[in-house]
Amino acid sequence: MRQKVDIRKSVGAWLREIRRENGLTQEDVAEKAGVSVKYYSEVERGLRNITIGNLQKLLRSMNVNKEEVIRLLITENLSEDDKAILSLTIRILSKGRRKTKSQTRQILQALAD
């Protein structure tokens, strides 16, 4: 039988990992995001529900861009090869030239169909 995953704990652990990777304290993140340290601490421990707006503030305070969020959210169960392909695709679509982006989209669409 599958265990129930508590999304609050998963999000909290994810935020803690990002914060630590960026060398930030809970106080740093809370101050930059404009939330209390108590609130942020409770979010990290999975004790608080978090709104999308507050999640956005917290991620911005840790300089996490939308491409990184997508990568983090969807790579959990991917192989290393799939992660590398996805990472390169995200990089192309976010930073590539217009022509390269267009060609990449066409290739992805053809593969998806």
Protein backbone atom coordinates (compact mmCIF):
# COMPACT_ATOMS: atom_id res chain seq x y z
CA MET A 1 0.00 0.00 0.00
CA ARG A 2 1.35 3.45 -0.94
CA GLN A 3 2.09 5.90 1.80
CA LYS A 4 0.31 9.23 1.66
CA VAL A 5 2.66 12.08 0.86
CA ASP A 6 2.14 15.26 2.84
CA ILE A 7 2.62 17.99 0.27
CA ARG A 8 3.39 20.53 3.00
CA LYS A 9 6.36 18.46 4.19
CA SER A 10 7.55 17.88 0.62
CA VAL A 11 7.43 21.60 -0.23
CA GLY A 12 9.11 22.47 3.05
CA ALA A 13 11.93 20.00 2.46
CA TRP A 14 12.32 21.30 -1.09
CA LEU A 15 12.55 24.92 0.12
CA ARG A 16 15.04 23.94 2.83
CA GLU A 17 17.24 22.21 0.24
CA ILE A 18 17.18 25.24 -2.07
CA ARG A 19 17.90 27.60 0.82
CA ARG A 20 20.88 25.55 1.99
CA GLU A 21 22.24 25.20 -1.56
CA ASN A 22 22.21 28.99 -1.76
CA GLY A 23 23.98 29.36 1.60
CA LEU A 24 21.07 31.28 3.14
CA THR A 25 19.62 31.23 6.63
CA GLN A 26 15.92 31.11 7.37
CA GLU A 27 16.25 34.70 8.53
CA ASP A 28 17.78 35.74 5.19
CA VAL A 29 14.95 34.18 3.20
CA ALA A 30 12.20 35.49 5.46
CA GLU A 31 13.56 39.04 5.38
CA LYS A 32 14.01 39.09 1.59
CA ALA A 33 10.55 37.58 1.05
CA GLY A 34 8.82 39.90 3.52
CA VAL A 35 7.50 37.15 5.77
CA SER A 36 8.18 36.39 9.41
CA VAL A 37 10.94 33.96 10.38
CA LYS A 38 8.35 32.00 12.38
CA TYR A 39 6.14 31.61 9.30
CA TYR A 40 9.05 30.53 7.09
CA SER A 41 10.32 28.09 9.71
CA GLU A 42 6.86 26.51 9.95
CA VAL A 43 6.66 26.26 6.14
CA GLU A 44 10.01 24.46 6.01
CA ARG A 45 8.88 22.02 8.69
CA GLY A 46 5.63 21.32 6.84
CA LEU A 47 3.46 22.82 9.57
CA ARG A 48 1.90 25.59 7.45
CA ASN A 49 -0.03 25.68 4.23
CA ILE A 50 1.63 28.06 1.82
CA THR A 51 -0.10 30.16 -0.79
CA ILE A 52 1.19 30.32 -4.35
CA GLY A 53 1.92 34.01 -3.78
CA ASN A 54 4.09 33.32 -0.75
CA LEU A 55 5.82 30.45 -2.54
CA GLN A 56 6.66 32.86 -5.34
CA LYS A 57 8.03 35.42 -2.85
CA LEU A 58 10.16 32.78 -1.14
CA LEU A 59 11.57 31.44 -4.40
CA ARG A 60 12.36 34.95 -5.63
CA SER A 61 14.13 35.70 -2.35
CA MET A 62 16.39 32.71 -3.10
CA ASN A 63 16.89 33.81 -6.73
CA VAL A 64 15.14 30.74 -8.15
CA ASN A 65 13.82 31.38 -11.66
CA LYS A 66 10.82 29.70 -13.28
CA GLU A 67 12.96 27.38 -15.38
CA GLU A 68 14.65 26.09 -12.24
CA VAL A 69 11.27 25.54 -10.56
CA ILE A 70 10.07 23.50 -13.53
CA ARG A 71 13.26 21.46 -13.53
CA LEU A 72 13.04 20.79 -9.81
CA LEU A 73 9.38 19.85 -9.90
CA ILE A 74 9.44 17.41 -12.78
CA THR A 75 12.80 15.69 -12.49
CA GLU A 76 12.13 13.75 -9.31
CA ASN A 77 11.54 10.39 -11.04
CA LEU A 78 13.59 10.83 -14.21
CA SER A 79 16.71 8.95 -15.25
CA GLU A 80 19.98 10.87 -15.38
CA ASP A 81 19.81 10.93 -19.21
CA ASP A 82 16.27 12.31 -19.15
CA LYS A 83 17.32 14.95 -16.61
CA ALA A 84 20.19 16.02 -18.87
CA ILE A 85 17.90 16.26 -21.90
CA LEU A 86 15.31 18.21 -19.96
CA SER A 87 17.92 20.55 -18.53
CA LEU A 88 19.34 21.30 -21.97
CA THR A 89 15.86 21.82 -23.43
CA ILE A 90 14.93 24.26 -20.67
CA ARG A 91 18.18 26.13 -21.20
CA ILE A 92 17.56 26.38 -24.94
CA LEU A 93 13.98 27.53 -24.51
CA SER A 94 14.86 30.10 -21.87
CA LYS A 95 18.13 31.50 -23.23
CA GLY A 96 18.46 30.41 -26.86
CA ARG A 97 18.05 32.49 -29.97
CA ARG A 98 14.56 32.84 -31.42
CA LYS A 99 15.35 30.50 -34.36
CA THR A 100 16.83 27.85 -32.04
CA LYS A 101 13.78 28.07 -29.77
CA SER A 102 11.45 27.67 -32.73
CA GLN A 103 13.34 24.64 -34.04
CA THR A 104 13.41 23.07 -30.57
CA ARG A 105 9.67 23.55 -30.17
CA GLN A 106 9.04 21.95 -33.57
CA ILE A 107 11.18 18.95 -32.71
CA LEU A 108 9.50 18.51 -29.33
CA GLN A 109 6.05 18.83 -30.90
CA ALA A 110 6.91 16.24 -33.56
CA LEU A 111 8.19 13.86 -30.90
CA ALA A 112 5.09 14.39 -28.76
CA ASP A 113 2.68 13.69 -31.64
